[in-house]
Structures are given as structure tokens and as C-alpha cells.
Amino acid sequence: MTDHPTADSAGAIDYIAIEESPRFRELKKTQRSFIFPLAAFFLIWYFVYVLLAAFAIDFMSQRVWGDITVGLLMGLGQFVTTFAITMGYVAFANRKLDPIATEIREGLEKAQGDA
């Protein structure tokens, strides 16, 4: 098996071979190494927030400043975390994933054009 895609004489690309290629596997591994830890972190953070809201009412209702409570700050923190994770993923994808995906796509286009 090679890193470069191949097409038969009819121009059909062997997508299974592409999916099993080392470069594609590297792309999937790189993506998963970013997504899974952050998804786990966010789910834990979210469930901590929900559980605190349900069972630690006195803590969540503590006033921090005026009518601003710990619960409100943590709720807003959910939005901040979501945007931060999104921006982090976009930067990661632009820097790490897109070059590999572009390389694979260009190889596929070249193989199809050569067929």
C-alpha cells in the first residue's frame, strides 16, 4: 500500500485504500487527539455545572457582585468555554489538519486526472 492514491483506467479511486493509507490514518489520529480530550473536558465541566445547579443551590446562589451569582458566572462560563474550544479547534485545524487534508485531496485529484 502506498501513500499516494491510485485510480483505475476508468478514473475510479480506491477510497478504501485511501482510508487505510498512513497519511489518512495520521489525519484521523491527529484530529482525534485534539477532539476527544476537549470533548471529555467540556462534558465534565458541563455536568459539574448542572450538578452544582441541582444540588449545591446555596453555593450557586452566592452573590459575587450585586445581583451576579456564582451560578450566573458559571453559566456564562459555559458560553465562553464553548467559544474558546471552537476558536482553538479552528486554529488547530488550520495549522495541523488542513495541510494534511489538502495533500490527500490533491493526491486524489491528481490520481483521477492521470486516469
N, C-alpha and C. Protein backbone atom coordinates (compact mmCIF):
# COMPACT_ATOMS: atom_id res chain seq x y z
N MET A 1 0.85 -1.18 0.00
CA MET A 1 0.00 0.00 0.00
C MET A 1 0.90 1.24 0.00
N THR A 2 0.52 2.24 -0.77
CA THR A 2 1.33 3.45 -0.88
C THR A 2 0.62 4.62 -0.24
N ASP A 3 1.38 5.71 -0.06
CA ASP A 3 0.80 6.95 0.46
C ASP A 3 0.02 7.69 -0.61
N HIS A 4 0.26 7.33 -1.86
CA HIS A 4 -0.36 8.06 -2.96
C HIS A 4 -1.57 7.31 -3.48
N PRO A 5 -2.67 8.04 -3.70
CA PRO A 5 -3.88 7.38 -4.19
C PRO A 5 -3.69 6.89 -5.61
N THR A 6 -4.46 5.87 -5.94
CA THR A 6 -4.42 5.34 -7.29
C THR A 6 -5.83 5.30 -7.85
N ALA A 7 -5.89 5.42 -9.16
CA ALA A 7 -7.16 5.33 -9.85
C ALA A 7 -7.02 4.30 -10.95
N ASP A 8 -8.10 3.58 -11.22
CA ASP A 8 -8.03 2.62 -12.31
C ASP A 8 -8.24 3.33 -13.64
N SER A 9 -8.26 2.57 -14.72
CA SER A 9 -8.35 3.19 -16.05
C SER A 9 -9.65 3.94 -16.26
N ALA A 10 -10.68 3.62 -15.51
CA ALA A 10 -11.96 4.32 -15.63
C ALA A 10 -11.99 5.57 -14.76
N GLY A 11 -10.92 5.83 -14.02
CA GLY A 11 -10.86 7.02 -13.18
C GLY A 11 -11.45 6.82 -11.79
N ALA A 12 -11.84 5.57 -11.46
CA ALA A 12 -12.42 5.29 -10.14
C ALA A 12 -11.30 5.20 -9.11
N ILE A 13 -11.44 5.93 -8.03
CA ILE A 13 -10.43 5.95 -6.98
C ILE A 13 -10.78 4.90 -5.94
N ASP A 14 -9.78 4.20 -5.44
CA ASP A 14 -9.96 3.20 -4.40
C ASP A 14 -9.99 3.92 -3.04
N TYR A 15 -11.18 4.31 -2.63
CA TYR A 15 -11.32 5.09 -1.40
C TYR A 15 -11.01 4.27 -0.15
N ILE A 16 -11.21 2.98 -0.22
CA ILE A 16 -10.86 2.13 0.92
C ILE A 16 -9.35 2.17 1.14
N ALA A 17 -8.60 2.09 0.04
CA ALA A 17 -7.14 2.17 0.15
C ALA A 17 -6.71 3.53 0.70
N ILE A 18 -7.40 4.58 0.30
CA ILE A 18 -7.09 5.91 0.81
C ILE A 18 -7.34 5.96 2.31
N GLU A 19 -8.48 5.44 2.72
CA GLU A 19 -8.84 5.45 4.14
C GLU A 19 -7.85 4.65 4.98
N GLU A 20 -7.27 3.63 4.40
CA GLU A 20 -6.32 2.80 5.12
C GLU A 20 -4.88 3.28 4.97
N SER A 21 -4.66 4.34 4.20
CA SER A 21 -3.30 4.84 3.97
C SER A 21 -2.73 5.47 5.24
N PRO A 22 -1.42 5.43 5.40
CA PRO A 22 -0.79 6.01 6.59
C PRO A 22 -1.09 7.51 6.75
N ARG A 23 -1.15 8.24 5.65
CA ARG A 23 -1.39 9.68 5.74
C ARG A 23 -2.81 9.98 6.24
N PHE A 24 -3.80 9.22 5.75
CA PHE A 24 -5.17 9.42 6.20
C PHE A 24 -5.33 9.01 7.66
N ARG A 25 -4.68 7.92 8.03
CA ARG A 25 -4.72 7.49 9.43
C ARG A 25 -4.09 8.54 10.34
N GLU A 26 -3.00 9.15 9.86
CA GLU A 26 -2.37 10.23 10.63
C GLU A 26 -3.34 11.40 10.81
N LEU A 27 -4.07 11.73 9.75
CA LEU A 27 -5.05 12.82 9.82
C LEU A 27 -6.12 12.50 10.86
N LYS A 28 -6.65 11.29 10.84
CA LYS A 28 -7.68 10.91 11.82
C LYS A 28 -7.12 10.91 13.24
N LYS A 29 -5.91 10.38 13.40
CA LYS A 29 -5.30 10.32 14.73
C LYS A 29 -5.05 11.72 15.28
N THR A 30 -4.57 12.61 14.43
CA THR A 30 -4.30 13.99 14.85
C THR A 30 -5.60 14.68 15.26
N GLN A 31 -6.65 14.49 14.47
CA GLN A 31 -7.93 15.11 14.79
C GLN A 31 -8.47 14.56 16.11
N ARG A 32 -8.44 13.26 16.27
CA ARG A 32 -8.98 12.65 17.49
C ARG A 32 -8.18 13.03 18.73
N SER A 33 -6.88 13.22 18.57
CA SER A 33 -6.06 13.58 19.73
C SER A 33 -6.42 14.96 20.26
N PHE A 34 -7.03 15.78 19.43
CA PHE A 34 -7.49 17.10 19.86
C PHE A 34 -8.93 17.04 20.35
N ILE A 35 -9.78 16.37 19.58
CA ILE A 35 -11.22 16.38 19.85
C ILE A 35 -11.60 15.62 21.13
N PHE A 36 -11.10 14.42 21.30
CA PHE A 36 -11.54 13.60 22.43
C PHE A 36 -11.21 14.21 23.79
N PRO A 37 -9.99 14.67 24.02
CA PRO A 37 -9.72 15.28 25.34
C PRO A 37 -10.56 16.53 25.60
N LEU A 38 -10.72 17.38 24.58
CA LEU A 38 -11.52 18.59 24.79
C LEU A 38 -12.99 18.27 24.97
N ALA A 39 -13.49 17.28 24.26
CA ALA A 39 -14.89 16.88 24.44
C ALA A 39 -15.10 16.34 25.86
N ALA A 40 -14.16 15.53 26.33
CA ALA A 40 -14.26 14.99 27.69
C ALA A 40 -14.22 16.13 28.71
N PHE A 41 -13.26 17.05 28.53
CA PHE A 41 -13.16 18.20 29.42
C PHE A 41 -14.46 18.99 29.46
N PHE A 42 -15.02 19.28 28.29
CA PHE A 42 -16.23 20.10 28.26
C PHE A 42 -17.41 19.36 28.88
N LEU A 43 -17.56 18.07 28.61
CA LEU A 43 -18.68 17.32 29.19
C LEU A 43 -18.58 17.27 30.71
N ILE A 44 -17.37 17.06 31.22
CA ILE A 44 -17.18 17.06 32.68
C ILE A 44 -17.53 18.43 33.24
N TRP A 45 -17.03 19.49 32.64
CA TRP A 45 -17.30 20.86 33.07
C TRP A 45 -18.80 21.14 33.03
N TYR A 46 -19.48 20.70 31.97
CA TYR A 46 -20.92 20.92 31.84
C TYR A 46 -21.69 20.17 32.94
N PHE A 47 -21.35 18.90 33.14
CA PHE A 47 -22.08 18.12 34.15
C PHE A 47 -21.79 18.60 35.57
N VAL A 48 -20.59 19.09 35.83
CA VAL A 48 -20.30 19.70 37.13
C VAL A 48 -21.22 20.91 37.34
N TYR A 49 -21.35 21.72 36.31
CA TYR A 49 -22.23 22.89 36.38
C TYR A 49 -23.68 22.47 36.66
N VAL A 50 -24.17 21.49 35.91
CA VAL A 50 -25.55 21.03 36.09
C VAL A 50 -25.76 20.44 37.48
N LEU A 51 -24.81 19.62 37.92
CA LEU A 51 -24.93 19.00 39.25
C LEU A 51 -24.87 20.04 40.36
N LEU A 52 -23.98 21.03 40.22
CA LEU A 52 -23.92 22.10 41.21
C LEU A 52 -25.23 22.88 41.24
N ALA A 53 -25.78 23.15 40.06
CA ALA A 53 -27.05 23.89 39.99
C ALA A 53 -28.18 23.11 40.64
N ALA A 54 -28.12 21.79 40.54
CA ALA A 54 -29.18 20.96 41.09
C ALA A 54 -29.00 20.69 42.59
N PHE A 55 -27.75 20.51 43.03
CA PHE A 55 -27.54 20.04 44.39
C PHE A 55 -26.77 20.99 45.30
N ALA A 56 -26.17 22.02 44.76
CA ALA A 56 -25.42 22.98 45.58
C ALA A 56 -26.02 24.37 45.40
N ILE A 57 -27.30 24.45 45.71
CA ILE A 57 -28.05 25.68 45.47
C ILE A 57 -27.48 26.84 46.28
N ASP A 58 -27.10 26.60 47.51
CA ASP A 58 -26.53 27.68 48.32
C ASP A 58 -25.23 28.22 47.72
N PHE A 59 -24.39 27.32 47.24
CA PHE A 59 -23.14 27.75 46.61
C PHE A 59 -23.41 28.53 45.33
N MET A 60 -24.29 28.00 44.50
CA MET A 60 -24.56 28.64 43.20
C MET A 60 -25.28 29.97 43.37
N SER A 61 -25.99 30.15 44.46
CA SER A 61 -26.73 31.40 44.64
C SER A 61 -25.94 32.46 45.42
N GLN A 62 -24.70 32.14 45.76
CA GLN A 62 -23.86 33.15 46.44
C GLN A 62 -23.65 34.34 45.52
N ARG A 63 -23.86 35.51 46.09
CA ARG A 63 -23.66 36.74 45.31
C ARG A 63 -22.17 37.07 45.26
N VAL A 64 -21.73 37.40 44.06
CA VAL A 64 -20.33 37.76 43.84
C VAL A 64 -20.21 39.28 43.81
N TRP A 65 -21.15 39.91 43.11
CA TRP A 65 -21.15 41.37 42.97
C TRP A 65 -22.55 41.79 42.57
N GLY A 66 -23.21 42.54 43.40
CA GLY A 66 -24.59 42.95 43.12
C GLY A 66 -25.49 41.74 42.98
N ASP A 67 -26.20 41.67 41.86
CA ASP A 67 -27.08 40.54 41.59
C ASP A 67 -26.38 39.41 40.82
N ILE A 68 -25.09 39.52 40.63
CA ILE A 68 -24.32 38.49 39.92
C ILE A 68 -23.97 37.37 40.90
N THR A 69 -24.38 36.14 40.55
CA THR A 69 -24.13 34.99 41.42
C THR A 69 -23.09 34.05 40.81
N VAL A 70 -22.61 33.12 41.64
CA VAL A 70 -21.66 32.12 41.17
C VAL A 70 -22.29 31.32 40.03
N GLY A 71 -23.55 30.96 40.18
CA GLY A 71 -24.25 30.19 39.15
C GLY A 71 -24.32 30.93 37.82
N LEU A 72 -24.60 32.22 37.87
CA LEU A 72 -24.66 33.01 36.66
C LEU A 72 -23.29 33.07 35.99
N LEU A 73 -22.26 33.29 36.78
CA LEU A 73 -20.90 33.32 36.22
C LEU A 73 -20.51 31.98 35.61
N MET A 74 -20.87 30.89 36.27
CA MET A 74 -20.56 29.57 35.72
C MET A 74 -21.37 29.30 34.45
N GLY A 75 -22.61 29.75 34.43
CA GLY A 75 -23.43 29.60 33.22
C GLY A 75 -22.85 30.37 32.05
N LEU A 76 -22.43 31.60 32.31
CA LEU A 76 -21.78 32.38 31.25
C LEU A 76 -20.45 31.75 30.86
N GLY A 77 -19.81 31.12 31.83
CA GLY A 77 -18.56 30.42 31.55
C GLY A 77 -18.75 29.27 30.56
N GLN A 78 -19.93 28.67 30.55
CA GLN A 78 -20.22 27.63 29.57
C GLN A 78 -20.13 28.19 28.15
N PHE A 79 -20.69 29.39 27.96
CA PHE A 79 -20.62 30.01 26.63
C PHE A 79 -19.19 30.37 26.27
N VAL A 80 -18.47 30.94 27.23
CA VAL A 80 -17.08 31.33 26.99
C VAL A 80 -16.25 30.10 26.63
N THR A 81 -16.45 29.01 27.36
CA THR A 81 -15.73 27.78 27.09
C THR A 81 -16.05 27.24 25.70
N THR A 82 -17.31 27.28 25.33
CA THR A 82 -17.72 26.81 24.00
C THR A 82 -17.02 27.60 22.91
N PHE A 83 -17.02 28.92 23.03
CA PHE A 83 -16.36 29.75 22.02
C PHE A 83 -14.85 29.53 22.02
N ALA A 84 -14.26 29.37 23.18
CA ALA A 84 -12.81 29.16 23.26
C ALA A 84 -12.43 27.82 22.62
N ILE A 85 -13.20 26.78 22.88
CA ILE A 85 -12.93 25.49 22.27
C ILE A 85 -13.08 25.57 20.76
N THR A 86 -14.12 26.26 20.30
CA THR A 86 -14.34 26.41 18.86
C THR A 86 -13.18 27.15 18.21
N MET A 87 -12.77 28.25 18.80
CA MET A 87 -11.65 29.01 18.24
C MET A 87 -10.36 28.20 18.28
N GLY A 88 -10.16 27.45 19.35
CA GLY A 88 -8.98 26.60 19.46
C GLY A 88 -8.97 25.51 18.39
N TYR A 89 -10.15 24.91 18.15
CA TYR A 89 -10.23 23.87 17.13
C TYR A 89 -9.98 24.43 15.74
N VAL A 90 -10.55 25.59 15.45
CA VAL A 90 -10.34 26.21 14.13
C VAL A 90 -8.85 26.48 13.92
N ALA A 91 -8.19 27.03 14.92
CA ALA A 91 -6.75 27.30 14.80
C ALA A 91 -5.97 26.00 14.64
N PHE A 92 -6.33 24.98 15.41
CA PHE A 92 -5.67 23.67 15.31
C PHE A 92 -5.88 23.07 13.93
N ALA A 93 -7.12 23.11 13.45
CA ALA A 93 -7.42 22.54 12.13
C ALA A 93 -6.67 23.27 11.03
N ASN A 94 -6.64 24.59 11.11
CA ASN A 94 -5.92 25.37 10.10
C ASN A 94 -4.43 25.03 10.09
N ARG A 95 -3.88 24.82 11.26
CA ARG A 95 -2.43 24.61 11.40
C ARG A 95 -2.03 23.16 11.15
N LYS A 96 -2.82 22.20 11.65
CA LYS A 96 -2.40 20.79 11.64
C LYS A 96 -3.19 19.91 10.66
N LEU A 97 -4.51 20.09 10.60
CA LEU A 97 -5.33 19.18 9.82
C LEU A 97 -5.44 19.57 8.35
N ASP A 98 -5.64 20.85 8.09
CA ASP A 98 -5.86 21.29 6.72
C ASP A 98 -4.70 20.98 5.78
N PRO A 99 -3.44 21.15 6.20
CA PRO A 99 -2.35 20.80 5.28
C PRO A 99 -2.36 19.31 4.88
N ILE A 100 -2.65 18.44 5.82
CA ILE A 100 -2.70 17.00 5.52
C ILE A 100 -3.90 16.70 4.62
N ALA A 101 -5.06 17.28 4.95
CA ALA A 101 -6.26 17.06 4.14
C ALA A 101 -6.07 17.58 2.72
N THR A 102 -5.41 18.72 2.59
CA THR A 102 -5.15 19.29 1.26
C THR A 102 -4.23 18.38 0.47
N GLU A 103 -3.21 17.86 1.13
CA GLU A 103 -2.28 16.94 0.47
C GLU A 103 -3.02 15.70 -0.03
N ILE A 104 -3.90 15.14 0.79
CA ILE A 104 -4.66 13.96 0.40
C ILE A 104 -5.59 14.29 -0.77
N ARG A 105 -6.30 15.41 -0.66
CA ARG A 105 -7.22 15.81 -1.72
C ARG A 105 -6.51 16.04 -3.04
N GLU A 106 -5.36 16.74 -2.98
CA GLU A 106 -4.61 17.00 -4.20
C GLU A 106 -4.11 15.70 -4.82
N GLY A 107 -3.71 14.75 -3.98
CA GLY A 107 -3.30 13.44 -4.49
C GLY A 107 -4.44 12.71 -5.18
N LEU A 108 -5.64 12.81 -4.59
CA LEU A 108 -6.81 12.20 -5.21
C LEU A 108 -7.15 12.86 -6.54
N GLU A 109 -7.09 14.18 -6.58
CA GLU A 109 -7.37 14.91 -7.82
C GLU A 109 -6.36 14.56 -8.90
N LYS A 110 -5.10 14.45 -8.51
CA LYS A 110 -4.05 14.10 -9.47
C LYS A 110 -4.25 12.69 -9.98
N ALA A 111 -4.56 11.75 -9.08
CA ALA A 111 -4.77 10.36 -9.49
C ALA A 111 -5.96 10.26 -10.43
N GLN A 112 -7.00 11.01 -10.16
CA GLN A 112 -8.18 10.96 -11.03
C GLN A 112 -7.87 11.61 -12.37
N GLY A 113 -7.08 12.66 -12.35
CA GLY A 113 -6.71 13.32 -13.61
C GLY A 113 -5.78 12.48 -14.45
N ASP A 114 -4.94 11.67 -13.80
CA ASP A 114 -3.99 10.81 -14.52
C ASP A 114 -4.67 9.59 -15.12
N ALA A 115 -5.85 9.24 -14.62
CA ALA A 115 -6.50 8.00 -15.07
C ALA A 115 -7.12 8.17 -16.44
